[in-house]
Structures are given as C-alpha cells and as structure tokens.
Amino acid sequence: MKKKWMAAAALLAALMSMTGCATTTTTTDASADPTGGWLMIIIYFVVIIGVMYFIAIRPQKKEQKKQAEMLSALEVGDIILTTSGFYGTVIDITDDTVIVEFGNNKNCRIPMQKSAIVEAEKPGQD
C-alpha cells in the first residue's frame, strides 16, 4: 500500500513540475491561448480522480466481490470466523442469517447475520 502512495505522489510531482514549466513560459504572440491554465487544472483533476480510483475504490470493490462470493458459497458444516474473532460451525442458513455453533458445547447455537462472517473454510481443508 505504501508503494502505491509513493507512486501516486511521484506521478503528481512529475505532473506538477511538467505543467509548471509549461505555464511559466511566455509567448510574444498576441494570440496565446488563454484557456491553457484551465486545461491543466482539468488534467490535474482527471489524474487525481484516476489515481484515487485505482488506489481506493477498485481494491475495495474487489474485496466486496470476494466477500460476496465467499458468502454465497457458504454451506452447512463450514467452519467460519466472525468479525468478533470467534470460530464456529454453520448449523443452518437462511437468506441473511446463519445459525452458528460455537465451541465444544453443542447447546451454544447463536443466530447471526451473514455479514458478520469474515472467513469460511470447508471442513477437511488444511
């Protein structure tokens, strides 16, 4: 993650130095383009939005897709890890709720939302 931020900072520094040189040059021609400054500002915004998309939004969407696939493949008997850090075994599954059995005590069955599941693995997988 730190490498991504460093690359983004280097890209922005390069763009700033490149456009700074372009705006400090003077022309003697009276028909100079007065919208050149605005064009560079628009380019800055496009680049910044593009960098933010690839650093923040895209990885988050990938993670959400991976989480949704894991929850859709959830089956009875799977061993799960909850957001609270508890390991349990899935006993029953409904639309958005699962019943999970915790520990060795077979009487400790708790209904919880599917969104509280962080990891799931099939029994027998190592």
C-alpha atoms as a PDB file:
ATOM      1  CA  MET A   1       0.000   0.000   0.000  1.00  0.00           C
ATOM      2  CA  LYS A   2       2.865   2.342   0.819  1.00  0.00           C
ATOM      3  CA  LYS A   3       4.378   1.708  -2.621  1.00  0.00           C
ATOM      4  CA  LYS A   4       1.109   2.738  -4.268  1.00  0.00           C
ATOM      5  CA  TRP A   5       1.043   6.030  -2.368  1.00  0.00           C
ATOM      6  CA  MET A   6       4.680   6.688  -3.226  1.00  0.00           C
ATOM      7  CA  ALA A   7       3.999   6.017  -6.916  1.00  0.00           C
ATOM      8  CA  ALA A   8       0.960   8.308  -6.848  1.00  0.00           C
ATOM      9  CA  ALA A   9       2.979  11.074  -5.176  1.00  0.00           C
ATOM     10  CA  ALA A  10       5.761  10.710  -7.746  1.00  0.00           C
ATOM     11  CA  LEU A  11       3.225  10.881 -10.583  1.00  0.00           C
ATOM     12  CA  LEU A  12       1.617  14.016  -9.170  1.00  0.00           C
ATOM     13  CA  ALA A  13       5.018  15.641  -8.595  1.00  0.00           C
ATOM     14  CA  ALA A  14       6.010  14.891 -12.189  1.00  0.00           C
ATOM     15  CA  LEU A  15       2.760  16.369 -13.494  1.00  0.00           C
ATOM     16  CA  MET A  16       3.131  19.481 -11.368  1.00  0.00           C
ATOM     17  CA  SER A  17       6.676  20.079 -12.491  1.00  0.00           C
ATOM     18  CA  MET A  18       5.761  19.405 -16.114  1.00  0.00           C
ATOM     19  CA  THR A  19       2.821  21.791 -16.086  1.00  0.00           C
ATOM     20  CA  GLY A  20       4.659  24.368 -14.023  1.00  0.00           C
ATOM     21  CA  CYS A  21       7.247  24.646 -16.769  1.00  0.00           C
ATOM     22  CA  ALA A  22       4.541  24.921 -19.396  1.00  0.00           C
ATOM     23  CA  THR A  23       2.739  27.760 -17.607  1.00  0.00           C
ATOM     24  CA  THR A  24       5.858  29.814 -16.834  1.00  0.00           C
ATOM     25  CA  THR A  25       6.931  30.098 -20.447  1.00  0.00           C
ATOM     26  CA  THR A  26       5.966  33.356 -22.045  1.00  0.00           C
ATOM     27  CA  THR A  27       4.966  33.892 -25.576  1.00  0.00           C
ATOM     28  CA  THR A  28       5.305  37.047 -27.538  1.00  0.00           C
ATOM     29  CA  ASP A  29       2.427  36.103 -29.772  1.00  0.00           C
ATOM     30  CA  ALA A  30      -0.721  38.108 -29.006  1.00  0.00           C
ATOM     31  CA  SER A  31      -2.935  35.166 -29.934  1.00  0.00           C
ATOM     32  CA  ALA A  32      -1.808  32.964 -26.983  1.00  0.00           C
ATOM     33  CA  ASP A  33      -4.432  30.500 -25.750  1.00  0.00           C
ATOM     34  CA  PRO A  34      -5.947  31.943 -22.523  1.00  0.00           C
ATOM     35  CA  THR A  35      -7.595  28.593 -21.637  1.00  0.00           C
ATOM     36  CA  GLY A  36      -4.272  26.756 -21.243  1.00  0.00           C
ATOM     37  CA  GLY A  37      -4.329  27.234 -17.459  1.00  0.00           C
ATOM     38  CA  TRP A  38      -7.831  25.841 -17.179  1.00  0.00           C
ATOM     39  CA  LEU A  39      -6.891  22.893 -19.322  1.00  0.00           C
ATOM     40  CA  MET A  40      -4.063  22.000 -16.947  1.00  0.00           C
ATOM     41  CA  ILE A  41      -6.382  22.274 -13.939  1.00  0.00           C
ATOM     42  CA  ILE A  42      -8.833  19.897 -15.605  1.00  0.00           C
ATOM     43  CA  ILE A  43      -5.990  17.492 -16.363  1.00  0.00           C
ATOM     44  CA  TYR A  44      -4.952  17.628 -12.677  1.00  0.00           C
ATOM     45  CA  PHE A  45      -8.465  16.746 -11.570  1.00  0.00           C
ATOM     46  CA  VAL A  46      -8.732  13.881 -14.047  1.00  0.00           C
ATOM     47  CA  VAL A  47      -5.372  12.478 -12.940  1.00  0.00           C
ATOM     48  CA  ILE A  48      -6.197  12.822  -9.236  1.00  0.00           C
ATOM     49  CA  ILE A  49      -9.580  11.142  -9.693  1.00  0.00           C
ATOM     50  CA  GLY A  50      -7.930   8.357 -11.710  1.00  0.00           C
ATOM     51  CA  VAL A  51      -5.297   7.793  -9.044  1.00  0.00           C
ATOM     52  CA  MET A  52      -7.922   7.720  -6.291  1.00  0.00           C
ATOM     53  CA  TYR A  53      -9.949   5.201  -8.275  1.00  0.00           C
ATOM     54  CA  PHE A  54      -7.024   2.807  -8.649  1.00  0.00           C
ATOM     55  CA  ILE A  55      -5.810   3.256  -5.055  1.00  0.00           C
ATOM     56  CA  ALA A  56      -9.047   3.322  -3.078  1.00  0.00           C
ATOM     57  CA  ILE A  57     -12.180   2.390  -4.987  1.00  0.00           C
ATOM     58  CA  ARG A  58     -11.044  -0.502  -7.181  1.00  0.00           C
ATOM     59  CA  PRO A  59      -9.412  -2.613  -4.418  1.00  0.00           C
ATOM     60  CA  GLN A  60     -12.438  -2.063  -2.183  1.00  0.00           C
ATOM     61  CA  LYS A  61     -14.802  -3.304  -4.899  1.00  0.00           C
ATOM     62  CA  LYS A  62     -12.599  -6.370  -5.442  1.00  0.00           C
ATOM     63  CA  GLU A  63     -12.732  -7.136  -1.714  1.00  0.00           C
ATOM     64  CA  GLN A  64     -16.524  -6.736  -1.630  1.00  0.00           C
ATOM     65  CA  LYS A  65     -16.884  -9.076  -4.613  1.00  0.00           C
ATOM     66  CA  LYS A  66     -14.629 -11.661  -2.948  1.00  0.00           C
ATOM     67  CA  GLN A  67     -16.660 -11.408   0.298  1.00  0.00           C
ATOM     68  CA  ALA A  68     -19.953 -11.839  -1.602  1.00  0.00           C
ATOM     69  CA  GLU A  69     -18.615 -14.926  -3.412  1.00  0.00           C
ATOM     70  CA  MET A  70     -17.478 -16.432  -0.107  1.00  0.00           C
ATOM     71  CA  LEU A  71     -20.880 -15.841   1.488  1.00  0.00           C
ATOM     72  CA  SER A  72     -22.754 -17.286  -1.490  1.00  0.00           C
ATOM     73  CA  ALA A  73     -20.638 -20.467  -1.321  1.00  0.00           C
ATOM     74  CA  LEU A  74     -21.319 -20.894   2.404  1.00  0.00           C
ATOM     75  CA  GLU A  75     -22.751 -24.324   3.293  1.00  0.00           C
ATOM     76  CA  VAL A  76     -23.898 -26.159   6.394  1.00  0.00           C
ATOM     77  CA  GLY A  77     -20.909 -27.634   8.203  1.00  0.00           C
ATOM     78  CA  ASP A  78     -18.414 -24.954   7.144  1.00  0.00           C
ATOM     79  CA  ILE A  79     -16.074 -23.570   9.777  1.00  0.00           C
ATOM     80  CA  ILE A  80     -16.287 -19.784   9.969  1.00  0.00           C
ATOM     81  CA  LEU A  81     -14.514 -16.883  11.638  1.00  0.00           C
ATOM     82  CA  THR A  82     -16.696 -13.994  12.781  1.00  0.00           C
ATOM     83  CA  THR A  83     -15.838 -10.312  12.979  1.00  0.00           C
ATOM     84  CA  SER A  84     -15.625 -10.772  16.756  1.00  0.00           C
ATOM     85  CA  GLY A  85     -12.871 -13.363  16.366  1.00  0.00           C
ATOM     86  CA  PHE A  86     -14.959 -16.419  17.270  1.00  0.00           C
ATOM     87  CA  TYR A  87     -14.663 -19.666  15.343  1.00  0.00           C
ATOM     88  CA  GLY A  88     -17.798 -21.700  14.836  1.00  0.00           C
ATOM     89  CA  THR A  89     -19.566 -24.241  12.677  1.00  0.00           C
ATOM     90  CA  VAL A  90     -22.547 -23.351  10.487  1.00  0.00           C
ATOM     91  CA  ILE A  91     -25.650 -25.304  11.510  1.00  0.00           C
ATOM     92  CA  ASP A  92     -28.353 -23.646   9.396  1.00  0.00           C
ATOM     93  CA  ILE A  93     -28.514 -20.961   6.698  1.00  0.00           C
ATOM     94  CA  THR A  94     -31.396 -18.654   5.762  1.00  0.00           C
ATOM     95  CA  ASP A  95     -31.447 -15.632   3.447  1.00  0.00           C
ATOM     96  CA  ASP A  96     -29.346 -13.247   5.522  1.00  0.00           C
ATOM     97  CA  THR A  97     -28.944 -15.152   8.789  1.00  0.00           C
ATOM     98  CA  VAL A  98     -26.884 -18.174   9.795  1.00  0.00           C
ATOM     99  CA  ILE A  99     -27.056 -20.247  12.955  1.00  0.00           C
ATOM    100  CA  VAL A 100     -23.581 -20.936  14.246  1.00  0.00           C
ATOM    101  CA  GLU A 101     -22.486 -23.449  16.870  1.00  0.00           C
ATOM    102  CA  PHE A 102     -19.567 -22.252  18.983  1.00  0.00           C
ATOM    103  CA  GLY A 103     -17.135 -24.379  20.998  1.00  0.00           C
ATOM    104  CA  ASN A 104     -17.498 -27.958  22.125  1.00  0.00           C
ATOM    105  CA  ASN A 105     -20.784 -27.300  23.892  1.00  0.00           C
ATOM    106  CA  LYS A 106     -23.482 -28.414  21.460  1.00  0.00           C
ATOM    107  CA  ASN A 107     -26.031 -26.158  23.210  1.00  0.00           C
ATOM    108  CA  CYS A 108     -24.256 -22.921  22.245  1.00  0.00           C
ATOM    109  CA  ARG A 109     -26.011 -22.064  18.993  1.00  0.00           C
ATOM    110  CA  ILE A 110     -26.327 -18.418  18.073  1.00  0.00           C
ATOM    111  CA  PRO A 111     -28.111 -16.834  15.083  1.00  0.00           C
ATOM    112  CA  MET A 112     -26.071 -14.113  13.399  1.00  0.00           C
ATOM    113  CA  GLN A 113     -26.033 -12.076  10.203  1.00  0.00           C
ATOM    114  CA  LYS A 114     -24.052 -13.341   7.232  1.00  0.00           C
ATOM    115  CA  SER A 115     -22.269 -10.000   7.030  1.00  0.00           C
ATOM    116  CA  ALA A 116     -20.536 -10.797  10.359  1.00  0.00           C
ATOM    117  CA  ILE A 117     -18.594 -13.657   8.732  1.00  0.00           C
ATOM    118  CA  VAL A 118     -15.014 -12.809   7.785  1.00  0.00           C
ATOM    119  CA  GLU A 119     -13.657 -16.189   6.646  1.00  0.00           C
ATOM    120  CA  ALA A 120     -15.084 -19.572   5.831  1.00  0.00           C
ATOM    121  CA  GLU A 121     -13.395 -22.859   5.109  1.00  0.00           C
ATOM    122  CA  LYS A 122     -14.709 -26.257   4.228  1.00  0.00           C
ATOM    123  CA  PRO A 123     -14.147 -28.992   6.824  1.00  0.00           C
ATOM    124  CA  GLY A 124     -11.213 -31.212   5.910  1.00  0.00           C
ATOM    125  CA  GLN A 125      -9.286 -28.471   4.088  1.00  0.00           C
ATOM    126  CA  ASP A 126      -5.909 -27.600   5.528  1.00  0.00           C
END
